[in-house]
Structures are given as C-alpha cells and as structure tokens.
Amino acid sequence: MGNNNLGQGKWLLETNGLTKKLGGKAVVNGVDLQLGEGDIYGFLGPNGAGKTTTIRMLLGLARPTRGTVKVFGQNLAEHRLNILRQVGSLVEYPSYYGHLTGRENLEIIRRLLDVPKERIAEVLSIVRLEKDANRAARGYSLGMKQRLGIAAALLGHPRLLILDEPTNGLDPAGIQEIRELIKSLPTERGVTIMLSSHLLSEVEQMATRVGIITAGKLVYQDSIERLKQRTAGRIRLNVSEPEAAWKRLLEQGYEAQRDERGVTISGENDREVAAIVTELVRERHLVYRVEEESSSLESVFLEMTGTGGSL
C-alpha cells in the first residue's frame, strides 16, 4: 500500500500556496490546507468559491498554476500514482452502469483496482447495501446511489476519502444515512475524510476540523470547537449614562463596546457579570437590564463569506 508513514510534519494532507488561474483569474488563491490523520475535515464555502477546483487539484485531476500538494508526506506531483492508490473519492455524482446490479458495478472497479473479491461484501456491508446489492442500480434512490459511490471509493482500502458535496440533492432520511456513515468511518475504518459543502449546518454535525473558502481564499481553518467559540455569548447591559459606564469598565480592564442605550462585554462567566453589575451600581449607575446575546454559527459563516444570507 505504499508509504504508510507521514514523513515530515504532522499533516496527512497539506497544501502550500495552492493557486489555480482560469482565464487569468485566480479561482483558487494561495490556499494552505492542513488535514490531520483521523480528521473529518469540512471544506466549506458558497457555490463558486473554489471548492471543487481545489478538490480536483488534490486528486491530480487539475494541475495547480502554482503551489504544492503533499499527501502522506509526499509531493503529489512526484508520487501521483503511489498517493492516489491510497485515496478514494466521490466528486460530483457517482458514475455507474444502470443496467448492472450494485454488486456488478463494484466488481468492475474491483478488477481495475485488483483487490480481493471478498472486499465487495465488506464495502457493501459498510454502506449497508447488502439487501439491494443484486438489484439494478437504475432502480436505486439518490441516497442509495451515493452510498454505492462511497462503497466504490472504499474498495481500495483508502487512507483518505475525499467527498465533494456528498449530501447534495438528498432527502432528510438520505442525508442522515450518509452523515452517520461518514461519522463512523474514521473510528471504525481508520479513514481520514475531507468533505465539501456549502451548508454549515450540514458540516457542523460531522466535522472535527473546518476550512472556509470564499472567492478562492481560505478565510478560516481550525477545529469545529474553535469555530463554535466564536459564537460565544456577549453580555449586554442597559444602563444609565452609557458613556461613563463604558469608560469605567475599560478602566477595569474589560473589553466593552457602547451604544446610546448601554454597554456590551464579551462573554464573561456569571461571577464576572455579577462583579461588573456591582461595580456599576457602586458608581451610581442604574442597571435596567442584563441579557446574553449570542450569534449563531450560521451568522459567523455568513460574515466570513460575505454572502449576506444567500448561498
């Protein structure tokens, strides 16, 4: 199965300054991706942000204008075959022969990959298609076709699985099935996953790590926990004489903003909020109301991508 150690550095997949120009315009612009082993990496951005072009470069289907792709510690340009033998992918809709059964479709790919026959039963079991394996693929639902595509991508025992919009067009039940399947693969099969989506709500239920791309640039990359921390609540206090109250809080070392009705401080714990209220009352301010304001993950995403709600 080729080189199984990660070589230098801790990343299973890493890009450096990855750029692709089409017609003189950079559709992917200086992207530095970093995926760790066992990650479910959610690659997020509005449609047209450069997600699919990036994925095509990671799979050797498009040549970067500049920049490098390293997978398993090796340069993709130099070790393409060795790397891609260990990478499974599902880009756009899975291709299959409608008149053949699910099992027969997998048999064609198995022969190309030259893996043992029993691997077909294994992947059918992983994607829970055993019962429908002998039905013609043209009769499959969209969700079953996606699962057949993932089964095909898993045939060669990949260490890395790259899925482009894997839940696109599925009904809620199909989305749930694919989601549970993806979440199980790192722990049960030792597969690292990169999946793209334009829906934050979709990715946040699966991903351990997130990269957000907009207009070809990576604007965020970190753990899903860090992203969630950005939505931590801020505390708003409606007070008398907001200007004087704001100055007093700044003197005390609090991060505070003011407007004509009061002040807002970054999400402090209950004890600190109580201390702030006590301080303001001691300074003869009237505290009319204390409330928590939290921004949703969705609003943080829209702010980063500048899409203003329309993806």
Protein backbone atom coordinates (compact mmCIF):
# COMPACT_ATOMS: atom_id res chain seq x y z
CA MET A 1 0.00 0.00 0.00
CA GLY A 2 2.95 2.36 -0.48
CA ASN A 3 4.48 4.63 2.12
CA ASN A 4 2.41 4.46 5.30
CA ASN A 5 4.27 6.92 7.47
CA LEU A 6 3.53 10.60 7.31
CA GLY A 7 7.07 11.69 6.59
CA GLN A 8 7.98 15.17 7.81
CA GLY A 9 5.32 17.16 9.63
CA LYS A 10 2.10 16.09 11.29
CA TRP A 11 -0.35 16.63 8.45
CA LEU A 12 -1.81 13.79 6.37
CA LEU A 13 -2.69 16.27 3.61
CA GLU A 14 -1.10 19.70 3.25
CA THR A 15 -1.17 22.31 0.52
CA ASN A 16 1.14 25.27 0.27
CA GLY A 17 0.13 28.39 -1.66
CA LEU A 18 -2.19 26.29 -3.84
CA THR A 19 -3.35 28.50 -6.72
CA LYS A 20 -5.32 27.87 -9.91
CA LYS A 21 -5.89 30.55 -12.53
CA LEU A 22 -8.57 30.14 -15.18
CA GLY A 23 -8.70 32.80 -17.90
CA GLY A 24 -6.26 34.96 -15.94
CA LYS A 25 -8.46 34.94 -12.81
CA ALA A 26 -7.35 33.08 -9.66
CA VAL A 27 -10.31 30.81 -8.79
CA VAL A 28 -8.17 29.26 -6.03
CA ASN A 29 -5.74 31.74 -4.50
CA GLY A 30 -2.85 30.80 -2.17
CA VAL A 31 -4.69 28.11 -0.21
CA ASP A 32 -2.86 26.34 2.66
CA LEU A 33 -4.94 23.33 3.72
CA GLN A 34 -3.96 21.13 6.67
CA LEU A 35 -5.69 17.80 7.41
CA GLY A 36 -4.62 15.60 10.32
CA GLU A 37 -4.95 11.82 10.41
CA GLY A 38 -8.44 10.77 11.57
CA ASP A 39 -9.97 14.20 10.83
CA ILE A 40 -13.34 14.72 9.27
CA TYR A 41 -12.43 17.97 7.54
CA GLY A 42 -15.38 20.09 6.43
CA PHE A 43 -14.38 22.21 3.43
CA LEU A 44 -16.96 24.98 3.40
CA GLY A 45 -17.87 27.85 1.14
CA PRO A 46 -20.58 29.30 -1.08
CA ASN A 47 -21.09 27.78 -4.52
CA GLY A 48 -18.42 29.09 -6.87
CA ALA A 49 -15.92 29.75 -4.04
CA GLY A 50 -13.30 27.35 -5.46
CA LYS A 51 -14.10 24.15 -3.53
CA THR A 52 -14.40 21.76 -6.48
CA THR A 53 -11.37 23.24 -8.27
CA THR A 54 -9.33 22.71 -5.08
CA ILE A 55 -10.55 19.12 -4.78
CA ARG A 56 -9.69 18.43 -8.42
CA MET A 57 -6.12 19.60 -7.74
CA LEU A 58 -5.90 17.37 -4.64
CA LEU A 59 -6.90 14.39 -6.79
CA GLY A 60 -4.47 15.18 -9.61
CA LEU A 61 -7.39 15.96 -11.98
CA ALA A 62 -6.27 19.58 -12.42
CA ARG A 63 -2.75 20.98 -12.38
CA PRO A 64 -2.06 23.89 -10.00
CA THR A 65 -0.90 27.16 -11.59
CA ARG A 66 1.44 27.28 -8.60
CA GLY A 67 1.78 25.86 -5.10
CA THR A 68 2.19 22.28 -3.90
CA VAL A 69 0.05 19.41 -2.66
CA LYS A 70 1.55 16.96 -0.17
CA VAL A 71 -0.32 13.80 0.82
CA PHE A 72 1.06 11.21 3.29
CA GLY A 73 4.22 13.35 3.46
CA GLN A 74 4.87 13.02 -0.29
CA ASN A 75 4.62 15.57 -3.09
CA LEU A 76 1.64 14.76 -5.33
CA ALA A 77 3.39 15.98 -8.48
CA GLU A 78 6.23 13.48 -7.92
CA HIS A 79 4.41 10.49 -6.37
CA ARG A 80 0.98 10.74 -8.00
CA LEU A 81 0.28 7.03 -8.57
CA ASN A 82 1.53 5.90 -5.17
CA ILE A 83 -0.57 8.57 -3.41
CA LEU A 84 -3.76 8.16 -5.44
CA ARG A 85 -3.72 4.40 -4.87
CA GLN A 86 -4.44 5.25 -1.22
CA VAL A 87 -7.10 7.91 -1.87
CA GLY A 88 -10.78 7.25 -2.53
CA SER A 89 -13.04 9.96 -3.94
CA LEU A 90 -16.57 10.85 -4.90
CA VAL A 91 -16.61 14.03 -6.99
CA GLU A 92 -19.97 15.26 -8.26
CA TYR A 93 -22.44 12.42 -8.87
CA PRO A 94 -21.20 8.81 -8.79
CA SER A 95 -20.92 7.13 -12.19
CA TYR A 96 -22.42 3.66 -12.54
CA TYR A 97 -23.97 1.35 -15.12
CA GLY A 98 -27.75 1.50 -14.60
CA HIS A 99 -28.44 -1.92 -16.17
CA LEU A 100 -25.94 -3.65 -13.86
CA THR A 101 -26.56 -4.50 -10.21
CA GLY A 102 -24.82 -2.70 -7.38
CA ARG A 103 -22.56 -5.72 -6.90
CA GLU A 104 -21.67 -5.90 -10.62
CA ASN A 105 -20.80 -2.21 -10.67
CA LEU A 106 -18.41 -2.77 -7.77
CA GLU A 107 -16.92 -5.86 -9.48
CA ILE A 108 -15.83 -3.74 -12.48
CA ILE A 109 -13.98 -1.32 -10.18
CA ARG A 110 -12.58 -4.19 -8.06
CA ARG A 111 -10.92 -5.68 -11.14
CA LEU A 112 -9.39 -2.33 -12.08
CA LEU A 113 -8.04 -1.92 -8.54
CA ASP A 114 -7.04 -5.60 -8.32
CA VAL A 115 -8.33 -6.08 -4.76
CA PRO A 116 -9.64 -9.42 -3.40
CA LYS A 117 -13.21 -10.47 -4.30
CA GLU A 118 -14.30 -10.55 -0.65
CA ARG A 119 -13.72 -6.78 -0.44
CA ILE A 120 -17.04 -6.27 -2.31
CA ALA A 121 -19.02 -7.89 0.54
CA GLU A 122 -17.07 -5.76 3.05
CA VAL A 123 -17.83 -2.42 1.37
CA LEU A 124 -21.48 -3.36 0.76
CA SER A 125 -21.73 -4.04 4.50
CA ILE A 126 -20.01 -0.74 5.42
CA VAL A 127 -22.54 1.28 3.36
CA ARG A 128 -25.44 -1.03 4.28
CA LEU A 129 -26.36 -2.01 0.74
CA GLU A 130 -26.22 -5.82 1.15
CA LYS A 131 -30.01 -6.22 0.72
CA ASP A 132 -30.03 -4.22 -2.52
CA ALA A 133 -26.74 -5.49 -3.95
CA ASN A 134 -28.42 -7.66 -6.60
CA ARG A 135 -30.86 -5.00 -7.84
CA ALA A 136 -30.20 -2.97 -11.00
CA ALA A 137 -28.58 0.33 -9.98
CA ARG A 138 -31.04 2.33 -12.09
CA GLY A 139 -33.73 1.47 -9.52
CA TYR A 140 -31.72 2.89 -6.62
CA SER A 141 -32.80 6.03 -4.77
CA LEU A 142 -30.42 9.00 -4.86
CA GLY A 143 -29.22 8.15 -1.34
CA MET A 144 -28.50 4.54 -2.36
CA LYS A 145 -26.57 5.76 -5.42
CA GLN A 146 -24.46 7.98 -3.15
CA ARG A 147 -23.81 5.00 -0.86
CA LEU A 148 -22.83 2.89 -3.88
CA GLY A 149 -20.43 5.68 -4.89
CA ILE A 150 -18.90 5.69 -1.39
CA ALA A 151 -18.66 1.87 -1.48
CA ALA A 152 -16.73 2.15 -4.77
CA ALA A 153 -14.45 4.80 -3.23
CA LEU A 154 -13.74 2.48 -0.27
CA LEU A 155 -12.90 -0.62 -2.36
CA GLY A 156 -9.16 0.04 -2.42
CA HIS A 157 -8.82 0.45 1.40
CA PRO A 158 -8.08 4.20 1.13
CA ARG A 159 -6.40 6.09 3.95
CA LEU A 160 -8.01 9.31 2.71
CA LEU A 161 -11.53 9.74 1.35
CA ILE A 162 -12.44 12.96 -0.49
CA LEU A 163 -16.17 13.64 -0.96
CA ASP A 164 -17.46 16.62 -2.93
CA GLU A 165 -20.94 17.69 -1.68
CA PRO A 166 -21.87 14.11 -0.58
CA THR A 167 -25.37 15.03 0.63
CA ASN A 168 -26.34 17.31 -2.27
CA GLY A 169 -29.88 16.66 -3.50
CA LEU A 170 -30.70 14.04 -0.86
CA ASP A 171 -33.90 13.97 1.18
CA PRO A 172 -33.60 14.28 5.00
CA ALA A 173 -33.50 10.48 5.51
CA GLY A 174 -30.77 10.12 2.86
CA ILE A 175 -28.77 12.97 4.43
CA GLN A 176 -28.99 11.31 7.86
CA GLU A 177 -27.79 7.97 6.42
CA ILE A 178 -24.77 9.49 4.66
CA ARG A 179 -23.96 11.59 7.74
CA GLU A 180 -23.93 8.56 10.06
CA LEU A 181 -21.83 6.60 7.56
CA ILE A 182 -19.24 9.39 7.26
CA LYS A 183 -19.03 9.83 11.05
CA SER A 184 -18.37 6.10 11.54
CA LEU A 185 -15.50 5.77 9.04
CA PRO A 186 -12.57 7.39 10.93
CA THR A 187 -13.16 5.41 14.14
CA GLU A 188 -14.28 2.10 12.61
CA ARG A 189 -12.19 2.02 9.42
CA GLY A 190 -9.27 4.36 10.14
CA VAL A 191 -10.15 6.59 7.19
CA THR A 192 -9.46 10.34 7.17
CA ILE A 193 -12.21 12.28 5.39
CA MET A 194 -12.39 15.59 3.57
CA LEU A 195 -15.88 16.64 2.51
CA SER A 196 -17.01 19.82 0.84
CA SER A 197 -20.32 21.56 1.35
CA HIS A 198 -21.98 24.97 1.02
CA LEU A 199 -24.07 24.24 4.13
CA LEU A 200 -22.54 24.95 7.52
CA SER A 201 -25.47 23.26 9.28
CA GLU A 202 -24.56 20.04 7.46
CA VAL A 203 -20.84 20.12 8.21
CA GLU A 204 -21.06 21.13 11.86
CA GLN A 205 -22.81 17.82 12.64
CA MET A 206 -19.93 15.75 11.23
CA ALA A 207 -16.66 17.69 11.07
CA THR A 208 -13.85 17.78 13.61
CA ARG A 209 -11.99 20.45 11.64
CA VAL A 210 -13.23 23.16 9.28
CA GLY A 211 -11.78 25.20 6.43
CA ILE A 212 -13.83 28.06 4.97
CA ILE A 213 -13.10 29.30 1.44
CA THR A 214 -14.62 32.32 -0.25
CA ALA A 215 -13.70 33.86 -3.61
CA GLY A 216 -10.78 31.41 -3.84
CA LYS A 217 -9.20 32.34 -0.48
CA LEU A 218 -9.13 30.32 2.72
CA VAL A 219 -10.57 32.70 5.34
CA TYR A 220 -10.71 30.27 8.28
CA GLN A 221 -9.13 26.95 9.27
CA ASP A 222 -9.33 25.40 12.73
CA SER A 223 -11.25 22.91 14.88
CA ILE A 224 -15.06 22.97 14.91
CA GLU A 225 -14.79 23.78 18.67
CA ARG A 226 -12.85 26.97 17.91
CA LEU A 227 -15.47 27.97 15.37
CA LYS A 228 -18.20 27.38 17.96
CA GLN A 229 -16.31 29.50 20.49
CA ARG A 230 -16.62 32.44 18.09
CA THR A 231 -20.36 32.34 18.72
CA ALA A 232 -19.93 32.55 22.50
CA GLY A 233 -22.41 34.94 24.00
CA ARG A 234 -21.79 38.60 24.71
CA ILE A 235 -23.44 40.24 27.70
CA ARG A 236 -25.47 43.37 27.13
CA LEU A 237 -26.23 45.77 29.98
CA ASN A 238 -28.76 48.57 29.57
CA VAL A 239 -27.53 51.26 31.96
CA SER A 240 -27.89 54.93 32.77
CA GLU A 241 -25.10 57.14 31.39
CA PRO A 242 -23.63 54.53 28.99
CA GLU A 243 -20.59 56.70 28.13
CA ALA A 244 -19.41 56.94 31.75
CA ALA A 245 -20.23 53.24 32.39
CA TRP A 246 -18.23 52.20 29.31
CA LYS A 247 -15.19 54.27 30.39
CA ARG A 248 -15.35 52.76 33.89
CA LEU A 249 -15.39 49.20 32.50
CA LEU A 250 -12.44 49.92 30.20
CA GLU A 251 -10.51 51.24 33.21
CA GLN A 252 -11.27 47.97 35.00
CA GLY A 253 -9.76 46.02 32.07
CA TYR A 254 -12.97 44.71 30.48
CA GLU A 255 -13.44 44.53 26.72
CA ALA A 256 -16.54 46.67 26.26
CA GLN A 257 -18.42 48.42 23.46
CA ARG A 258 -21.04 51.09 23.94
CA ASP A 259 -24.10 52.48 22.19
CA GLU A 260 -26.73 55.04 23.19
CA ARG A 261 -28.59 52.61 25.50
CA GLY A 262 -25.86 50.65 27.21
CA VAL A 263 -22.67 48.61 27.02
CA THR A 264 -21.79 45.18 25.69
CA ILE A 265 -19.00 42.99 27.04
CA SER A 266 -17.54 39.79 25.64
CA GLY A 267 -18.94 36.56 27.11
CA GLU A 268 -17.80 36.64 30.73
CA ASN A 269 -18.76 34.00 33.30
CA ASP A 270 -21.58 34.56 35.82
CA ARG A 271 -19.22 35.63 38.61
CA GLU A 272 -17.61 38.31 36.42
CA VAL A 273 -21.00 39.60 35.26
CA ALA A 274 -22.07 39.92 38.91
CA ALA A 275 -18.83 41.83 39.68
CA ILE A 276 -19.46 44.19 36.73
CA VAL A 277 -23.03 44.92 37.85
CA THR A 278 -21.81 45.52 41.42
CA GLU A 279 -19.13 47.92 40.15
CA LEU A 280 -21.62 49.90 38.03
CA VAL A 281 -24.14 50.15 40.89
CA ARG A 282 -21.33 51.34 43.22
CA GLU A 283 -20.58 54.04 40.64
CA ARG A 284 -24.26 55.15 40.92
CA HIS A 285 -25.36 53.74 37.57
CA LEU A 286 -28.86 52.33 37.20
CA VAL A 287 -28.72 48.84 35.59
CA TYR A 288 -32.03 48.35 33.80
CA ARG A 289 -31.41 45.02 32.10
CA VAL A 290 -28.72 42.32 31.70
CA GLU A 291 -29.08 39.91 28.77
CA GLU A 292 -26.97 37.49 26.78
CA GLU A 293 -26.58 37.95 23.03
CA SER A 294 -25.17 35.03 21.07
CA SER A 295 -24.51 34.92 17.37
CA SER A 296 -25.29 31.71 15.52
CA LEU A 297 -22.65 29.68 13.70
CA GLU A 298 -24.58 30.47 10.54
CA SER A 299 -24.18 34.22 11.07
CA VAL A 300 -20.43 33.80 11.69
CA PHE A 301 -20.19 31.80 8.45
CA LEU A 302 -22.13 34.44 6.50
CA GLU A 303 -19.96 37.18 7.98
CA MET A 304 -16.77 35.34 6.89
CA THR A 305 -18.01 34.52 3.41
CA GLY A 306 -19.76 37.86 2.88
CA THR A 307 -22.75 36.13 1.34
CA GLY A 308 -25.34 38.01 3.37
CA GLY A 309 -27.61 35.00 3.66
CA SER A 310 -27.80 33.97 0.01
CA LEU A 311 -25.70 30.93 -0.77
